[in-house]
Amino acid sequence: MSYLRLSAIFSDGMMLERDTAFNMIWGYTRPDAEVRAELSGCGFKMTGETAGDIAGFFQIQLPQRPAGGPYELTIVSGEEKKVIKDILFGEIFLLGGQSNMELSIGTVSKDRAELPDIDKNYIRAFTFEQKPVYSDPSDMISEGRWIKAEGKSLNDFSAVGLYAAVSLYEKLEVPVGLYQTAIGGSPISSWLSENSVMRLSLDADRLMAVNESGEGDLCSPTAGFYGSLYPLQRQQIKAVLFYQGESNVERHETYRSEFAAMTADWRRLFRNPELPFFYVQLAGYGEGVRNCVKTDWSVFRDVQLQCESIQNTYMVQAYDLGDQDDIHPADKKPLGERLADAVYSVLFGNGVYFKGPGLSNLRLDGKKAVLDFSTLGGLVNKNISEETVGFSLVFIKDGEEMIEEISGKLDTSGGKKRVVIDIPEGRLPEEIRYAWNNYPYSASLYDSYGLPAVPFRIPV
């Protein structure tokens, strides 16, 4: 009978966060049994010892190491020994959310053909069988493996995650690892702790029903938090890359409070109150190309924008990267690269800009509305014509909204970052909106870095 047990996280090809003294090797053995761990490689050798507690749990602190490898880790308890080979230290990111983060390279052939010629041994991901858990969560993962971005294993990489990792590898020149936890169709309540679900009274009845019956799935409240994240809680990660929201569009009123609770839950779980979150604003999709007739996704994107007020959260835009007919846009490369730019800018201070122009001021000048924007780059119009499109005016008639599309003129004279809109004679709109529909394909205002202006609606 084997007493020495390790989570599948600790297996050949594993990756650990670089330059931190908080990496641990942990597992279970016989109560009070001595455990010895030895890390060796790259001209380095370290040995640590401990003993299992009353439940047999043990953990040994690993030394702080720079990016690189490979290393070998040997764990010995009594007559039992386990050896983990080909270990790298680098930057580790957790991928969370739902299907657009989960979607693999193997399902998107055009993405797979565009991978750059790099040493893919230094881009790895941990993939494991995710099971819904609502109570009595386990810290052990029995089935999981580390894969490299090469051969058949490449098919199992998250497309967004892989492109972000490739871009970061090219920028940082260090190994990049991913924990893949996204679950297709999961609402944000799947990623909350039980305490948060009950405190916010969101899906609380459903959670109690699941707990009583034991019947649920990966999209049930708390299922992702306890089933996918809980077993990773002792691992060190650089940041979270999160793409979720499609399942919450119709419940946008509560999303910001849920998102705030989620970030707090995850930071407590990973014992890192400053853990950065980089999240994706929903891509364009569905109806609403003409006259803003469908705006529910725009309203939700606005709520996502408000989530940036939560400490250490950073939004990456994607409304211009969508597909009108497919909720899962196939080309994940631009989004992965935008996420990488955001991470590179915020965490490594290189100055890469990742946020498109944002409205900073609106004033009326006679029959004109003058809109000023803040951006590090200059304003550009992606259309060939001089008109900047994507704006709309909202009028109220007989208590009903009347929406009229309108174009503006770009004014960059003297360093200005401005769009000027002509207001119809004798009519004052209630609101001015920009890119305010589900699939704002025509919105043409960008900055010189190629990033789209942030959607907005503002009263006049």
Protein backbone atom coordinates (compact mmCIF):
# COMPACT_ATOMS: atom_id res chain seq x y z
CA MET A 1 0.00 0.00 0.00
CA SER A 2 1.31 3.44 -0.94
CA TYR A 3 1.12 6.13 1.72
CA LEU A 4 2.99 8.91 -0.09
CA ARG A 5 0.46 10.83 -2.18
CA LEU A 6 0.97 13.95 -4.29
CA SER A 7 -1.50 16.00 -6.28
CA ALA A 8 -1.25 15.57 -10.05
CA ILE A 9 0.07 19.15 -10.09
CA PHE A 10 3.38 17.63 -9.03
CA SER A 11 4.19 15.64 -12.15
CA ASP A 12 6.76 15.62 -14.94
CA GLY A 13 6.97 18.88 -16.86
CA MET A 14 5.49 20.97 -14.06
CA MET A 15 6.13 24.69 -13.72
CA LEU A 16 6.61 26.88 -10.67
CA GLU A 17 6.51 30.65 -10.26
CA ARG A 18 9.95 32.24 -10.49
CA ASP A 19 11.60 34.52 -7.91
CA THR A 20 9.34 33.67 -4.97
CA ALA A 21 10.08 32.00 -1.65
CA PHE A 22 6.50 30.70 -1.32
CA ASN A 23 6.58 27.68 -3.64
CA MET A 24 5.80 24.49 -1.72
CA ILE A 25 5.92 20.78 -2.32
CA TRP A 26 3.06 19.25 -0.38
CA GLY A 27 1.08 16.06 -0.10
CA TYR A 28 0.12 13.27 2.29
CA THR A 29 1.96 10.40 3.94
CA ARG A 30 1.62 8.39 7.14
CA PRO A 31 1.03 10.49 10.26
CA ASP A 32 4.33 11.53 11.85
CA ALA A 33 6.34 9.98 8.99
CA GLU A 34 9.47 11.88 8.00
CA VAL A 35 9.54 13.43 4.54
CA ARG A 36 12.58 14.68 2.64
CA ALA A 37 12.57 16.70 -0.57
CA GLU A 38 15.54 17.44 -2.80
CA LEU A 39 15.51 19.92 -5.68
CA SER A 40 18.45 19.71 -8.04
CA GLY A 41 19.47 20.95 -11.47
CA CYS A 42 21.24 23.83 -13.20
CA GLY A 43 24.17 23.43 -10.81
CA PHE A 44 21.88 23.84 -7.78
CA LYS A 45 20.90 21.44 -5.00
CA MET A 46 18.62 21.92 -1.97
CA THR A 47 17.25 19.53 0.63
CA GLY A 48 14.34 20.11 3.00
CA GLU A 49 12.80 17.90 5.68
CA THR A 50 9.57 17.76 7.64
CA ALA A 51 7.08 15.23 9.02
CA GLY A 52 3.46 14.46 8.32
CA ASP A 53 0.96 15.90 10.77
CA ILE A 54 -1.79 13.94 12.51
CA ALA A 55 -3.62 13.64 9.17
CA GLY A 56 -0.43 12.85 7.30
CA PHE A 57 -0.28 16.23 5.55
CA PHE A 58 3.15 17.71 4.88
CA GLN A 59 4.62 20.66 3.03
CA ILE A 60 8.19 21.73 2.39
CA GLN A 61 9.19 25.18 1.25
CA LEU A 62 11.14 25.25 -1.99
CA PRO A 63 13.95 27.73 -2.61
CA GLN A 64 13.51 30.90 -4.59
CA ARG A 65 14.79 30.32 -8.10
CA PRO A 66 15.12 32.50 -11.21
CA ALA A 67 13.46 31.60 -14.49
CA GLY A 68 14.88 28.51 -16.12
CA GLY A 69 15.46 24.81 -15.70
CA PRO A 70 15.10 21.92 -16.04
CA TYR A 71 15.16 20.79 -12.41
CA GLU A 72 14.39 17.47 -10.77
CA LEU A 73 12.49 17.09 -7.50
CA THR A 74 12.77 13.94 -5.38
CA ILE A 75 10.40 13.29 -2.45
CA VAL A 76 11.15 10.46 -0.03
CA SER A 77 9.03 9.19 2.87
CA GLY A 78 10.14 5.95 4.50
CA GLU A 79 10.67 3.40 1.76
CA GLU A 80 8.64 5.37 -0.77
CA LYS A 81 10.11 7.75 -3.31
CA LYS A 82 8.66 9.92 -6.07
CA VAL A 83 10.72 11.74 -8.69
CA ILE A 84 9.40 14.68 -10.73
CA LYS A 85 11.45 15.57 -13.79
CA ASP A 86 11.75 18.43 -16.26
CA ILE A 87 10.61 21.22 -13.90
CA LEU A 88 10.78 24.82 -15.09
CA PHE A 89 10.53 28.10 -13.19
CA GLY A 90 8.81 30.99 -14.99
CA GLU A 91 5.66 33.09 -14.94
CA ILE A 92 2.41 31.26 -14.09
CA PHE A 93 -1.10 32.46 -14.97
CA LEU A 94 -4.49 31.06 -14.07
CA LEU A 95 -7.06 31.02 -16.89
CA GLY A 96 -10.63 31.42 -15.64
CA GLY A 97 -14.09 32.03 -17.01
CA GLN A 98 -16.30 30.23 -19.47
CA SER A 99 -16.25 28.87 -23.01
CA ASN A 100 -14.41 31.67 -24.81
CA MET A 101 -11.47 31.10 -22.48
CA GLU A 102 -11.91 27.34 -22.53
CA LEU A 103 -12.07 27.08 -26.36
CA SER A 104 -9.00 25.12 -27.44
CA ILE A 105 -6.59 25.62 -30.29
CA GLY A 106 -7.57 22.16 -31.50
CA THR A 107 -11.08 23.41 -32.31
CA VAL A 108 -9.88 26.50 -34.20
CA SER A 109 -7.77 25.37 -37.14
CA LYS A 110 -6.92 28.85 -38.42
CA ASP A 111 -5.40 29.72 -35.03
CA ARG A 112 -3.28 26.59 -34.95
CA ALA A 113 -1.74 27.42 -38.33
CA GLU A 114 -0.56 30.84 -37.16
CA LEU A 115 1.66 29.84 -34.23
CA PRO A 116 5.08 31.50 -34.40
CA ASP A 117 8.31 29.58 -34.66
CA ILE A 118 9.47 29.59 -31.03
CA ASP A 119 10.76 27.00 -28.56
CA LYS A 120 7.40 25.64 -27.43
CA ASN A 121 9.02 23.60 -24.64
CA TYR A 122 8.91 26.81 -22.61
CA ILE A 123 5.13 27.23 -22.90
CA ARG A 124 3.21 24.74 -20.79
CA ALA A 125 -0.25 24.24 -19.32
CA PHE A 126 -1.74 22.14 -16.57
CA THR A 127 -4.98 20.51 -17.63
CA PHE A 128 -7.08 18.31 -15.37
CA GLU A 129 -10.45 16.68 -15.01
CA GLN A 130 -12.78 19.22 -13.44
CA LYS A 131 -15.53 17.92 -11.22
CA PRO A 132 -18.39 19.86 -9.61
CA VAL A 133 -17.85 20.19 -5.86
CA TYR A 134 -20.20 22.02 -3.49
CA SER A 135 -19.09 20.87 -0.04
CA ASP A 136 -16.12 19.05 1.52
CA PRO A 137 -13.71 20.09 -1.25
CA SER A 138 -10.46 18.21 -1.72
CA ASP A 139 -7.05 19.75 -2.27
CA MET A 140 -5.92 16.72 -4.27
CA ILE A 141 -6.13 16.36 -8.05
CA SER A 142 -5.99 12.71 -9.04
CA GLU A 143 -6.07 13.08 -12.82
CA GLY A 144 -4.15 15.85 -14.53
CA ARG A 145 -1.02 16.50 -16.57
CA TRP A 146 1.35 19.19 -17.72
CA ILE A 147 1.43 19.61 -21.49
CA LYS A 148 3.76 21.46 -23.83
CA ALA A 149 2.75 23.64 -26.76
CA GLU A 150 3.87 21.12 -29.35
CA GLY A 151 2.64 18.01 -31.14
CA LYS A 152 -0.79 16.64 -30.30
CA SER A 153 -0.73 18.29 -26.87
CA LEU A 154 -1.06 21.66 -28.56
CA ASN A 155 -4.69 20.83 -29.33
CA ASP A 156 -5.53 20.93 -25.62
CA PHE A 157 -4.35 24.49 -25.00
CA SER A 158 -6.83 27.30 -24.48
CA ALA A 159 -6.59 29.39 -27.66
CA VAL A 160 -6.73 32.72 -25.81
CA GLY A 161 -4.34 31.45 -23.15
CA LEU A 162 -1.86 30.08 -25.66
CA TYR A 163 -1.66 33.31 -27.64
CA ALA A 164 -1.24 35.31 -24.45
CA ALA A 165 1.51 32.92 -23.33
CA VAL A 166 3.30 33.06 -26.69
CA SER A 167 3.25 36.86 -26.67
CA LEU A 168 4.49 37.03 -23.07
CA TYR A 169 7.24 34.51 -23.80
CA GLU A 170 8.44 36.64 -26.70
CA LYS A 171 8.40 39.77 -24.51
CA LEU A 172 9.87 38.33 -21.29
CA GLU A 173 12.04 35.53 -22.68
CA VAL A 174 11.13 33.29 -19.73
CA PRO A 175 8.99 30.12 -19.54
CA VAL A 176 5.25 30.74 -19.26
CA GLY A 177 2.83 28.32 -17.60
CA LEU A 178 -0.96 28.19 -17.49
CA TYR A 179 -3.49 26.62 -15.14
CA GLN A 180 -6.57 25.96 -17.31
CA THR A 181 -9.76 26.13 -15.22
CA ALA A 182 -12.39 27.76 -17.49
CA ILE A 183 -15.77 25.98 -17.73
CA GLY A 184 -18.08 26.50 -20.70
CA GLY A 185 -21.42 28.07 -19.82
CA SER A 186 -20.48 28.84 -16.22
CA PRO A 187 -22.12 31.90 -14.63
CA ILE A 188 -20.09 33.95 -12.20
CA SER A 189 -21.84 32.26 -9.24
CA SER A 190 -19.96 29.08 -10.17
CA TRP A 191 -16.76 30.91 -9.23
CA LEU A 192 -17.93 32.25 -5.87
CA SER A 193 -17.47 30.75 -2.42
CA GLU A 194 -20.51 29.47 -0.56
CA ASN A 195 -20.29 32.41 1.82
CA SER A 196 -20.42 34.91 -1.05
CA VAL A 197 -23.36 33.19 -2.75
CA MET A 198 -25.36 33.16 0.48
CA ARG A 199 -24.34 36.69 1.50
CA LEU A 200 -25.31 38.19 -1.85
CA SER A 201 -28.50 36.07 -2.01
CA LEU A 202 -27.70 35.27 -5.63
CA ASP A 203 -28.48 31.70 -6.63
CA ALA A 204 -28.67 30.93 -2.90
CA ASP A 205 -31.84 28.84 -3.28
CA ARG A 206 -30.26 26.88 -6.10
CA LEU A 207 -27.13 26.28 -4.02
CA MET A 208 -29.15 25.01 -1.06
CA ALA A 209 -31.09 22.68 -3.37
CA VAL A 210 -27.85 21.31 -4.82
CA ASN A 211 -26.37 20.81 -1.36
CA GLU A 212 -29.47 18.94 -0.20
CA SER A 213 -29.82 16.74 -3.27
CA GLY A 214 -26.17 16.39 -4.20
CA GLU A 215 -27.24 16.87 -7.80
CA GLY A 216 -25.63 19.63 -9.82
CA ASP A 217 -23.11 20.26 -12.56
CA LEU A 218 -20.03 22.33 -13.30
CA CYS A 219 -22.20 25.42 -13.81
CA SER A 220 -23.93 25.16 -10.43
CA PRO A 221 -23.18 27.79 -7.77
CA THR A 222 -19.71 27.35 -6.18
CA ALA A 223 -18.94 24.31 -8.40
CA GLY A 224 -15.98 25.91 -10.14
CA PHE A 225 -14.65 27.57 -7.01
CA TYR A 226 -14.46 24.37 -4.99
CA GLY A 227 -13.98 21.90 -7.81
CA SER A 228 -11.39 23.72 -9.94
CA LEU A 229 -9.74 26.45 -7.84
CA TYR A 230 -9.63 24.92 -4.37
CA PRO A 231 -7.12 22.20 -5.38
CA LEU A 232 -4.78 24.90 -6.76
CA GLN A 233 -4.86 27.16 -3.72
CA ARG A 234 -1.29 26.51 -2.55
CA GLN A 235 0.22 27.22 -5.97
CA GLN A 236 1.86 30.56 -6.67
CA ILE A 237 0.48 32.45 -9.67
CA LYS A 238 1.41 35.78 -11.21
CA ALA A 239 -2.10 36.84 -12.21
CA VAL A 240 -5.54 35.70 -13.34
CA LEU A 241 -6.69 35.99 -16.96
CA PHE A 242 -10.49 35.92 -16.91
CA TYR A 243 -13.03 35.81 -19.75
CA GLN A 244 -16.61 35.38 -18.55
CA GLY A 245 -19.96 37.12 -18.73
CA GLU A 246 -22.03 35.73 -21.58
CA SER A 247 -24.03 33.70 -19.05
CA ASN A 248 -24.70 36.81 -16.95
CA VAL A 249 -25.83 39.32 -19.58
CA GLU A 250 -29.46 39.06 -18.51
CA ARG A 251 -28.53 39.61 -14.85
CA HIS A 252 -26.24 42.59 -15.29
CA GLU A 253 -27.67 44.50 -12.28
CA THR A 254 -25.83 42.28 -9.81
CA TYR A 255 -22.69 41.53 -11.79
CA ARG A 256 -20.39 44.14 -10.31
CA SER A 257 -21.09 43.03 -6.75
CA GLU A 258 -20.58 39.41 -7.79
CA PHE A 259 -17.34 40.26 -9.58
CA ALA A 260 -16.06 42.12 -6.51
CA ALA A 261 -16.96 39.16 -4.30
CA MET A 262 -15.25 36.78 -6.71
CA THR A 263 -11.96 38.68 -6.76
CA ALA A 264 -12.03 38.84 -2.96
CA ASP A 265 -12.77 35.09 -2.71
CA TRP A 266 -9.93 34.17 -5.05
CA ARG A 267 -7.46 36.45 -3.30
CA ARG A 268 -8.29 34.87 0.04
CA LEU A 269 -8.04 31.39 -1.42
CA PHE A 270 -4.61 32.02 -2.94
CA ARG A 271 -3.48 34.03 0.11
CA ASN A 272 -2.61 37.00 -2.06
CA PRO A 273 -4.65 40.17 -1.34
CA GLU A 274 -3.01 41.93 -4.31
CA LEU A 275 -3.59 39.18 -6.89
CA PRO A 276 -4.08 40.97 -10.25
CA PHE A 277 -7.09 40.20 -12.45
CA PHE A 278 -7.04 40.90 -16.18
CA TYR A 279 -10.51 40.40 -17.60
CA VAL A 280 -12.08 40.62 -21.04
CA GLN A 281 -14.95 42.93 -21.91
CA LEU A 282 -17.40 40.91 -24.00
CA ALA A 283 -16.77 40.62 -27.72
CA GLY A 284 -19.36 41.79 -30.23
CA TYR A 285 -22.07 39.27 -31.05
CA GLY A 286 -25.63 38.96 -32.33
CA GLU A 287 -28.32 41.38 -33.33
CA GLY A 288 -28.11 45.13 -33.08
CA VAL A 289 -26.07 46.10 -36.11
CA ARG A 290 -28.63 48.68 -37.19
CA ASN A 291 -30.14 51.44 -35.05
CA CYS A 292 -28.94 49.93 -31.78
CA VAL A 293 -32.07 47.78 -31.57
CA LYS A 294 -30.38 45.33 -29.22
CA THR A 295 -28.26 46.79 -26.44
CA ASP A 296 -28.23 44.22 -23.63
CA TRP A 297 -24.60 43.31 -24.31
CA SER A 298 -23.69 47.01 -24.35
CA VAL A 299 -25.28 47.48 -20.94
CA PHE A 300 -23.32 44.49 -19.67
CA ARG A 301 -20.08 45.85 -21.13
CA ASP A 302 -20.72 49.07 -19.24
CA VAL A 303 -21.05 47.09 -16.00
CA GLN A 304 -17.78 45.34 -16.84
CA LEU A 305 -16.16 48.75 -17.27
CA GLN A 306 -17.33 49.66 -13.77
CA CYS A 307 -15.51 46.60 -12.42
CA GLU A 308 -12.22 48.39 -13.08
CA SER A 309 -12.84 50.38 -9.90
CA ILE A 310 -12.07 47.19 -7.96
CA GLN A 311 -8.46 47.16 -6.80
CA ASN A 312 -5.95 45.49 -9.12
CA THR A 313 -8.43 44.68 -11.88
CA TYR A 314 -7.73 45.60 -15.50
CA MET A 315 -10.14 45.39 -18.42
CA VAL A 316 -9.15 44.39 -21.95
CA GLN A 317 -11.51 45.37 -24.78
CA ALA A 318 -12.81 42.89 -27.33
CA TYR A 319 -16.04 44.29 -28.79
CA ASP A 320 -14.29 44.81 -32.13
CA LEU A 321 -13.00 41.22 -32.17
CA GLY A 322 -16.39 39.49 -32.23
CA ASP A 323 -18.50 37.60 -34.74
CA GLN A 324 -22.10 38.59 -35.39
CA ASP A 325 -23.17 34.98 -35.96
CA ASP A 326 -20.99 33.10 -33.48
CA ILE A 327 -20.77 33.70 -29.74
CA HIS A 328 -17.35 32.04 -29.94
CA PRO A 329 -15.29 34.19 -32.32
CA ALA A 330 -12.68 31.99 -33.97
CA ASP A 331 -9.70 34.32 -34.17
CA LYS A 332 -8.31 34.38 -30.63
CA LYS A 333 -4.88 35.72 -31.51
CA PRO A 334 -5.61 39.48 -31.24
CA LEU A 335 -7.33 39.02 -27.89
CA GLY A 336 -4.52 36.87 -26.49
CA GLU A 337 -2.03 39.52 -27.56
CA ARG A 338 -4.09 42.31 -25.96
CA LEU A 339 -4.16 40.37 -22.69
CA ALA A 340 -0.40 39.90 -22.91
CA ASP A 341 0.10 43.62 -23.54
CA ALA A 342 -1.99 44.44 -20.47
CA VAL A 343 -0.01 42.02 -18.28
CA TYR A 344 3.29 43.28 -19.68
CA SER A 345 2.33 46.90 -19.08
CA VAL A 346 0.92 46.55 -15.57
CA LEU A 347 3.15 43.89 -14.03
CA PHE A 348 6.42 44.57 -15.80
CA GLY A 349 6.14 48.34 -16.25
CA ASN A 350 7.25 48.48 -19.85
CA GLY A 351 4.83 51.21 -20.91
CA VAL A 352 2.90 49.21 -23.52
CA TYR A 353 -0.55 50.76 -23.76
CA PHE A 354 -3.52 48.40 -23.63
CA LYS A 355 -6.59 50.60 -23.16
CA GLY A 356 -8.34 52.37 -26.02
CA PRO A 357 -9.44 56.02 -25.95
CA GLY A 358 -11.91 56.88 -23.19
CA LEU A 359 -14.32 59.80 -23.16
CA SER A 360 -13.00 62.50 -20.82
CA ASN A 361 -15.35 65.42 -21.46
CA LEU A 362 -18.52 66.46 -23.30
CA ARG A 363 -19.56 70.05 -23.90
CA LEU A 364 -22.08 71.74 -26.14
CA ASP A 365 -20.86 74.51 -28.43
CA GLY A 366 -23.87 75.97 -30.19
CA LYS A 367 -25.21 73.29 -32.49
CA LYS A 368 -22.25 71.03 -31.95
CA ALA A 369 -21.37 68.42 -29.34
CA VAL A 370 -17.63 68.41 -28.63
CA LEU A 371 -16.27 65.15 -27.20
CA ASP A 372 -12.72 65.00 -25.86
CA PHE A 373 -10.91 61.71 -25.30
CA SER A 374 -8.00 60.63 -23.13
CA THR A 375 -5.43 58.31 -24.66
CA LEU A 376 -1.66 57.97 -24.79
CA GLY A 377 -1.79 57.60 -28.55
CA GLY A 378 -3.42 59.89 -31.04
CA LEU A 379 -6.96 59.41 -32.32
CA VAL A 380 -7.43 57.76 -35.69
CA ASN A 381 -10.40 56.76 -37.81
CA LYS A 382 -10.15 53.20 -39.07
CA ASN A 383 -12.51 54.02 -41.95
CA ILE A 384 -11.20 55.40 -45.22
CA SER A 385 -13.75 58.22 -45.10
CA GLU A 386 -13.30 61.31 -42.96
CA GLU A 387 -16.40 60.56 -40.92
CA THR A 388 -16.09 58.82 -37.57
CA VAL A 389 -19.00 56.43 -37.22
CA GLY A 390 -20.50 54.45 -34.38
CA PHE A 391 -22.20 57.35 -32.56
CA SER A 392 -25.91 57.65 -31.90
CA LEU A 393 -28.24 60.28 -30.46
CA VAL A 394 -31.09 59.35 -28.14
CA PHE A 395 -34.27 61.44 -28.23
CA ILE A 396 -37.43 60.96 -26.17
CA LYS A 397 -40.77 61.18 -27.98
CA ASP A 398 -44.05 60.34 -26.29
CA GLY A 399 -42.10 58.61 -23.54
CA GLU A 400 -40.28 56.35 -26.00
CA GLU A 401 -36.60 56.34 -26.94
CA MET A 402 -35.89 57.33 -30.52
CA ILE A 403 -32.35 56.45 -31.58
CA GLU A 404 -30.62 58.01 -34.56
CA GLU A 405 -27.21 56.98 -35.84
CA ILE A 406 -24.89 59.88 -36.55
CA SER A 407 -21.32 60.43 -37.64
CA GLY A 408 -18.74 62.77 -36.16
CA LYS A 409 -15.66 64.54 -37.45
CA LEU A 410 -12.24 63.89 -36.00
CA ASP A 411 -10.30 66.97 -34.84
CA THR A 412 -6.62 66.32 -34.12
CA SER A 413 -5.37 69.84 -34.84
CA GLY A 414 -2.92 71.23 -32.31
CA GLY A 415 -2.67 67.88 -30.55
CA LYS A 416 -6.41 67.66 -29.89
CA LYS A 417 -8.04 64.28 -29.29
CA ARG A 418 -11.55 65.27 -30.20
CA VAL A 419 -14.66 64.30 -32.13
CA VAL A 420 -17.25 66.93 -33.10
CA ILE A 421 -20.89 65.97 -33.77
CA ASP A 422 -23.49 68.21 -35.39
CA ILE A 423 -26.72 68.36 -33.37
CA PRO A 424 -29.92 68.45 -35.49
CA GLU A 425 -31.56 71.88 -35.67
CA GLY A 426 -34.03 72.51 -32.85
CA ARG A 427 -33.58 69.09 -31.24
CA LEU A 428 -31.52 68.38 -28.14
CA PRO A 429 -30.77 64.70 -27.49
CA GLU A 430 -31.09 63.13 -24.08
CA GLU A 431 -27.94 61.04 -24.55
CA ILE A 432 -25.00 60.52 -26.84
CA ARG A 433 -23.78 56.96 -27.20
CA TYR A 434 -20.84 55.29 -28.86
CA ALA A 435 -20.48 51.64 -29.93
CA TRP A 436 -23.69 51.02 -28.05
CA ASN A 437 -25.07 47.84 -29.55
CA ASN A 438 -24.43 44.15 -29.24
CA TYR A 439 -22.24 43.95 -32.33
CA PRO A 440 -20.81 47.44 -32.99
CA TYR A 441 -19.04 46.46 -36.19
CA SER A 442 -19.07 49.97 -37.67
CA ALA A 443 -17.52 51.83 -34.71
CA SER A 444 -14.44 53.43 -36.23
CA LEU A 445 -12.70 55.43 -33.49
CA TYR A 446 -9.33 53.95 -32.50
CA ASP A 447 -6.02 55.15 -31.17
CA SER A 448 -2.69 55.01 -32.94
CA TYR A 449 -1.89 51.74 -31.13
CA GLY A 450 -4.82 50.05 -32.87
CA LEU A 451 -7.08 49.92 -29.81
CA PRO A 452 -10.80 50.76 -30.06
CA ALA A 453 -12.43 53.59 -28.13
CA VAL A 454 -14.26 52.52 -24.98
CA PRO A 455 -18.06 52.30 -25.50
CA PHE A 456 -20.06 54.88 -23.58
CA ARG A 457 -23.38 56.59 -23.10
CA ILE A 458 -23.55 60.04 -21.55
CA PRO A 459 -26.45 62.40 -20.83
CA VAL A 460 -26.38 65.71 -22.68
